[in-house]
């Protein structure tokens, strides 16, 4: 998809990069991924990668890791409850003066 940002170079694992490639096109398509949000999505993907590594190793993630992940997932509207709180932007929504920063 054109204009979907590449994953940040600092993503720590293959799992993180794979999660970026899974989520970024969908979030970009509904205009939830903007230039300002790439660092936040990167953090979400980095945490996802760490959680996967822990689970593969048979370890249990801490409540802090899971809480951070849950918060970021909710920020992007990726749970049924948070979807009601996050409004994807569409072309028929009035243009904002901040659109030039997307």
C-alpha atoms as a PDB file:
ATOM      1  CA  UNK A   1       0.000   0.000   0.000  1.00  0.00           C
ATOM      2  CA  UNK A   2       1.469   3.385  -0.942  1.00  0.00           C
ATOM      3  CA  UNK A   3       2.542   5.774   1.783  1.00  0.00           C
ATOM      4  CA  UNK A   4       2.496   3.126   4.535  1.00  0.00           C
ATOM      5  CA  UNK A   5       5.535   4.001   6.627  1.00  0.00           C
ATOM      6  CA  UNK A   6       8.378   1.532   6.879  1.00  0.00           C
ATOM      7  CA  UNK A   7       9.040   0.031  10.308  1.00  0.00           C
ATOM      8  CA  UNK A   8      11.448   1.973  12.495  1.00  0.00           C
ATOM      9  CA  UNK A   9      15.050   0.770  12.414  1.00  0.00           C
ATOM     10  CA  UNK A  10      15.050   0.419  16.191  1.00  0.00           C
ATOM     11  CA  UNK A  11      12.462  -2.375  16.369  1.00  0.00           C
ATOM     12  CA  UNK A  12      14.221  -5.042  18.444  1.00  0.00           C
ATOM     13  CA  UNK A  13      13.129  -8.334  16.876  1.00  0.00           C
ATOM     14  CA  UNK A  14      11.737 -10.105  13.850  1.00  0.00           C
ATOM     15  CA  UNK A  15       8.451 -10.536  15.714  1.00  0.00           C
ATOM     16  CA  UNK A  16       8.262  -6.759  16.166  1.00  0.00           C
ATOM     17  CA  UNK A  17       8.854  -6.070  12.477  1.00  0.00           C
ATOM     18  CA  UNK A  18       6.298  -8.718  11.464  1.00  0.00           C
ATOM     19  CA  UNK A  19       3.724  -7.092  13.745  1.00  0.00           C
ATOM     20  CA  UNK A  20       4.461  -3.720  12.142  1.00  0.00           C
ATOM     21  CA  UNK A  21       3.840  -5.182   8.683  1.00  0.00           C
ATOM     22  CA  UNK A  22       0.633  -6.796   9.919  1.00  0.00           C
ATOM     23  CA  UNK A  23      -0.843  -3.713  11.611  1.00  0.00           C
ATOM     24  CA  UNK A  24       0.467  -0.690   9.706  1.00  0.00           C
ATOM     25  CA  UNK A  25      -1.447  -1.217   6.428  1.00  0.00           C
ATOM     26  CA  UNK A  26      -4.765  -1.650   8.242  1.00  0.00           C
ATOM     27  CA  UNK A  27      -4.206   1.342  10.527  1.00  0.00           C
ATOM     28  CA  UNK A  28      -2.983   3.465   7.633  1.00  0.00           C
ATOM     29  CA  UNK A  29      -6.003   2.533   5.514  1.00  0.00           C
ATOM     30  CA  UNK A  30      -8.387   3.965   8.116  1.00  0.00           C
ATOM     31  CA  UNK A  31      -6.041   6.899   8.767  1.00  0.00           C
ATOM     32  CA  UNK A  32      -5.234   5.923  12.343  1.00  0.00           C
ATOM     33  CA  UNK A  33      -1.535   5.715  11.539  1.00  0.00           C
ATOM     34  CA  UNK A  34      -0.090   9.153  10.955  1.00  0.00           C
ATOM     35  CA  UNK A  35       3.497  10.391  10.962  1.00  0.00           C
ATOM     36  CA  UNK A  36       3.012  11.420  14.566  1.00  0.00           C
ATOM     37  CA  UNK A  37       1.810   7.964  15.541  1.00  0.00           C
ATOM     38  CA  UNK A  38       4.613   5.895  14.046  1.00  0.00           C
ATOM     39  CA  UNK A  39       6.672   5.960  17.247  1.00  0.00           C
ATOM     40  CA  UNK A  40       3.666   4.821  19.260  1.00  0.00           C
ATOM     41  CA  UNK A  41       2.940   1.979  16.854  1.00  0.00           C
ATOM     42  CA  UNK A  42       6.641   1.112  16.957  1.00  0.00           C
ATOM     43  CA  UNK A  43       6.461   0.853  20.739  1.00  0.00           C
ATOM     44  CA  UNK A  44       3.378  -1.362  20.465  1.00  0.00           C
ATOM     45  CA  UNK A  45       5.193  -3.638  18.017  1.00  0.00           C
ATOM     46  CA  UNK A  46       8.337  -3.724  20.177  1.00  0.00           C
ATOM     47  CA  UNK A  47       6.295  -4.794  23.197  1.00  0.00           C
ATOM     48  CA  UNK A  48       4.481  -7.382  21.083  1.00  0.00           C
ATOM     49  CA  UNK A  49       7.833  -8.791  19.971  1.00  0.00           C
ATOM     50  CA  UNK A  50       9.061  -9.007  23.564  1.00  0.00           C
ATOM     51  CA  UNK A  51       5.871 -10.745  24.696  1.00  0.00           C
ATOM     52  CA  UNK A  52       6.190 -13.308  21.909  1.00  0.00           C
ATOM     53  CA  UNK A  53       9.813 -13.965  22.879  1.00  0.00           C
ATOM     54  CA  UNK A  54       8.798 -14.506  26.506  1.00  0.00           C
ATOM     55  CA  UNK A  55       5.994 -16.881  25.586  1.00  0.00           C
ATOM     56  CA  UNK A  56       8.250 -18.856  23.232  1.00  0.00           C
ATOM     57  CA  UNK A  57      10.766 -19.181  26.074  1.00  0.00           C
ATOM     58  CA  UNK A  58       8.024 -20.505  28.349  1.00  0.00           C
ATOM     59  CA  UNK A  59       8.168 -17.412  30.548  1.00  0.00           C
ATOM     60  CA  UNK A  60       5.286 -15.333  31.843  1.00  0.00           C
ATOM     61  CA  UNK A  61       5.288 -11.628  30.996  1.00  0.00           C
ATOM     62  CA  UNK A  62       4.987  -9.196  33.873  1.00  0.00           C
ATOM     63  CA  UNK A  63       1.779  -7.288  34.506  1.00  0.00           C
ATOM     64  CA  UNK A  64       3.642  -4.129  33.510  1.00  0.00           C
ATOM     65  CA  UNK A  65       4.473  -5.484  30.030  1.00  0.00           C
ATOM     66  CA  UNK A  66       0.907  -6.693  29.527  1.00  0.00           C
ATOM     67  CA  UNK A  67      -0.542  -3.419  30.819  1.00  0.00           C
ATOM     68  CA  UNK A  68       1.584  -1.346  28.439  1.00  0.00           C
ATOM     69  CA  UNK A  69       0.581  -3.583  25.548  1.00  0.00           C
ATOM     70  CA  UNK A  70      -3.107  -3.435  26.450  1.00  0.00           C
ATOM     71  CA  UNK A  71      -2.990   0.368  26.722  1.00  0.00           C
ATOM     72  CA  UNK A  72      -1.389   0.814  23.308  1.00  0.00           C
ATOM     73  CA  UNK A  73      -3.749  -1.673  21.671  1.00  0.00           C
ATOM     74  CA  UNK A  74      -6.656   0.314  23.097  1.00  0.00           C
ATOM     75  CA  UNK A  75      -5.161   3.593  21.877  1.00  0.00           C
ATOM     76  CA  UNK A  76      -5.332   2.291  18.312  1.00  0.00           C
ATOM     77  CA  UNK A  77      -8.874   0.924  18.737  1.00  0.00           C
ATOM     78  CA  UNK A  78      -7.931  -2.730  18.388  1.00  0.00           C
ATOM     79  CA  UNK A  79     -10.351  -4.172  20.931  1.00  0.00           C
ATOM     80  CA  UNK A  80     -14.154  -4.292  20.675  1.00  0.00           C
ATOM     81  CA  UNK A  81     -14.621  -1.778  23.498  1.00  0.00           C
ATOM     82  CA  UNK A  82     -11.938   0.641  22.303  1.00  0.00           C
ATOM     83  CA  UNK A  83     -13.280   0.581  18.733  1.00  0.00           C
ATOM     84  CA  UNK A  84     -16.238   2.610  19.951  1.00  0.00           C
ATOM     85  CA  UNK A  85     -13.878   5.261  21.339  1.00  0.00           C
ATOM     86  CA  UNK A  86     -11.559   5.579  18.327  1.00  0.00           C
ATOM     87  CA  UNK A  87     -12.971   7.090  15.170  1.00  0.00           C
ATOM     88  CA  UNK A  88     -11.109   6.292  11.966  1.00  0.00           C
ATOM     89  CA  UNK A  89     -10.821   9.234   9.632  1.00  0.00           C
ATOM     90  CA  UNK A  90     -12.533   9.067   6.288  1.00  0.00           C
ATOM     91  CA  UNK A  91     -12.464  11.446   3.355  1.00  0.00           C
ATOM     92  CA  UNK A  92     -15.942  12.736   4.121  1.00  0.00           C
ATOM     93  CA  UNK A  93     -14.867  14.115   7.506  1.00  0.00           C
ATOM     94  CA  UNK A  94     -14.248  17.857   7.454  1.00  0.00           C
ATOM     95  CA  UNK A  95     -10.584  18.693   6.884  1.00  0.00           C
ATOM     96  CA  UNK A  96      -8.658  19.911   9.903  1.00  0.00           C
ATOM     97  CA  UNK A  97      -5.994  22.590   9.961  1.00  0.00           C
ATOM     98  CA  UNK A  98      -3.689  19.862  11.292  1.00  0.00           C
ATOM     99  CA  UNK A  99      -4.097  17.593   8.231  1.00  0.00           C
ATOM    100  CA  UNK A 100      -0.880  18.927   6.729  1.00  0.00           C
ATOM    101  CA  UNK A 101       1.023  17.183   9.558  1.00  0.00           C
ATOM    102  CA  UNK A 102      -0.235  13.700   8.672  1.00  0.00           C
END
